[in-house]
Protein backbone atom coordinates (compact mmCIF):
# COMPACT_ATOMS: atom_id res chain seq x y z
CA UNK A 1 -9.91 -10.16 -11.20
CA UNK A 2 -8.83 -11.85 -14.36
CA UNK A 3 -8.78 -15.65 -14.53
CA UNK A 4 -8.81 -16.20 -10.74
CA UNK A 5 -12.48 -15.33 -10.39
CA UNK A 6 -14.15 -12.88 -8.05
CA UNK A 7 -17.19 -13.74 -5.94
CA UNK A 8 -20.16 -11.43 -6.58
CA UNK A 9 -20.21 -10.36 -2.92
CA UNK A 10 -16.57 -9.24 -3.04
CA UNK A 11 -17.07 -7.44 -6.36
CA UNK A 12 -20.18 -5.78 -4.96
CA UNK A 13 -18.28 -4.56 -1.90
CA UNK A 14 -15.47 -3.17 -4.06
CA UNK A 15 -17.84 -1.21 -6.31
CA UNK A 16 -20.26 -0.11 -3.58
CA UNK A 17 -23.41 -2.06 -4.40
CA UNK A 18 -25.11 -5.12 -2.95
CA UNK A 19 -24.31 -8.67 -4.00
CA UNK A 20 -27.96 -8.98 -5.06
CA UNK A 21 -27.50 -6.07 -7.47
CA UNK A 22 -24.44 -7.76 -9.02
CA UNK A 23 -26.42 -11.01 -9.32
CA UNK A 24 -29.27 -9.13 -10.99
CA UNK A 25 -26.84 -7.61 -13.48
CA UNK A 26 -25.32 -11.01 -14.23
CA UNK A 27 -28.75 -12.54 -14.59
CA UNK A 28 -29.87 -9.85 -17.03
CA UNK A 29 -32.60 -8.62 -14.70
CA UNK A 30 -31.21 -5.09 -14.46
CA UNK A 31 -28.96 -2.79 -16.45
CA UNK A 32 -26.20 -1.14 -14.42
CA UNK A 33 -25.47 2.58 -14.48
CA UNK A 34 -22.69 3.57 -16.85
CA UNK A 35 -20.37 4.61 -14.02
CA UNK A 36 -20.93 1.25 -12.34
CA UNK A 37 -20.07 -0.55 -15.61
CA UNK A 38 -16.74 1.26 -15.74
CA UNK A 39 -16.05 0.54 -12.06
CA UNK A 40 -16.77 -3.17 -12.57
CA UNK A 41 -14.47 -3.28 -15.60
CA UNK A 42 -11.76 -1.55 -13.57
CA UNK A 43 -12.10 -4.05 -10.72
CA UNK A 44 -11.90 -6.95 -13.18
CA UNK A 45 -8.85 -5.54 -14.95
CA UNK A 46 -10.65 -5.03 -18.24
CA UNK A 47 -9.81 -1.96 -20.37
CA UNK A 48 -12.63 0.62 -20.70
CA UNK A 49 -12.79 0.18 -24.47
CA UNK A 50 -14.27 -3.30 -23.87
CA UNK A 51 -17.40 -1.75 -22.28
CA UNK A 52 -19.78 -2.71 -25.10
CA UNK A 53 -18.46 -6.29 -25.15
CA UNK A 54 -19.12 -6.91 -21.46
CA UNK A 55 -22.13 -4.58 -21.12
CA UNK A 56 -23.87 -4.67 -24.52
CA UNK A 57 -26.64 -2.16 -25.30
CA UNK A 58 -30.06 -3.38 -24.11
CA UNK A 59 -28.38 -6.35 -22.46
CA UNK A 60 -28.23 -8.17 -25.79
CA UNK A 61 -24.81 -9.45 -26.78
CA UNK A 62 -24.32 -9.43 -30.52
CA UNK A 63 -22.07 -11.97 -32.18
CA UNK A 64 -18.62 -11.07 -31.00
CA UNK A 65 -15.82 -10.85 -33.50
CA UNK A 66 -13.28 -11.21 -30.71
CA UNK A 67 -13.23 -14.05 -28.24
CA UNK A 68 -11.26 -13.75 -25.02
CA UNK A 69 -8.21 -15.96 -24.80
CA UNK A 70 -7.74 -18.27 -21.85
CA UNK A 71 -5.59 -15.66 -20.12
CA UNK A 72 -8.37 -13.04 -20.46
CA UNK A 73 -11.32 -15.09 -19.21
CA UNK A 74 -13.17 -13.25 -16.49
CA UNK A 75 -15.07 -15.14 -13.86
CA UNK A 76 -17.70 -13.45 -11.76
CA UNK A 77 -19.31 -16.01 -9.51
CA UNK A 78 -20.34 -18.97 -11.63
CA UNK A 79 -20.46 -17.01 -14.89
CA UNK A 80 -17.55 -16.77 -17.31
CA UNK A 81 -17.12 -13.78 -19.62
């Protein structure tokens, strides 16, 4: 959900994984499957072409040339993307 925020447990339920798995993804402790990445983006209202921005290769975000505007900030738990 864009700008309102979405608790990890609710996101996890919507995409069919545990809240712990979502927390591990957010914490950089695990890399999600590609299909799960797309499902998470869909649940958050993010277009699929933004995949590499929100799920960078090897978990390493490179310097972004595009910054989300205030209306496109995505909150998952306490983290803001």
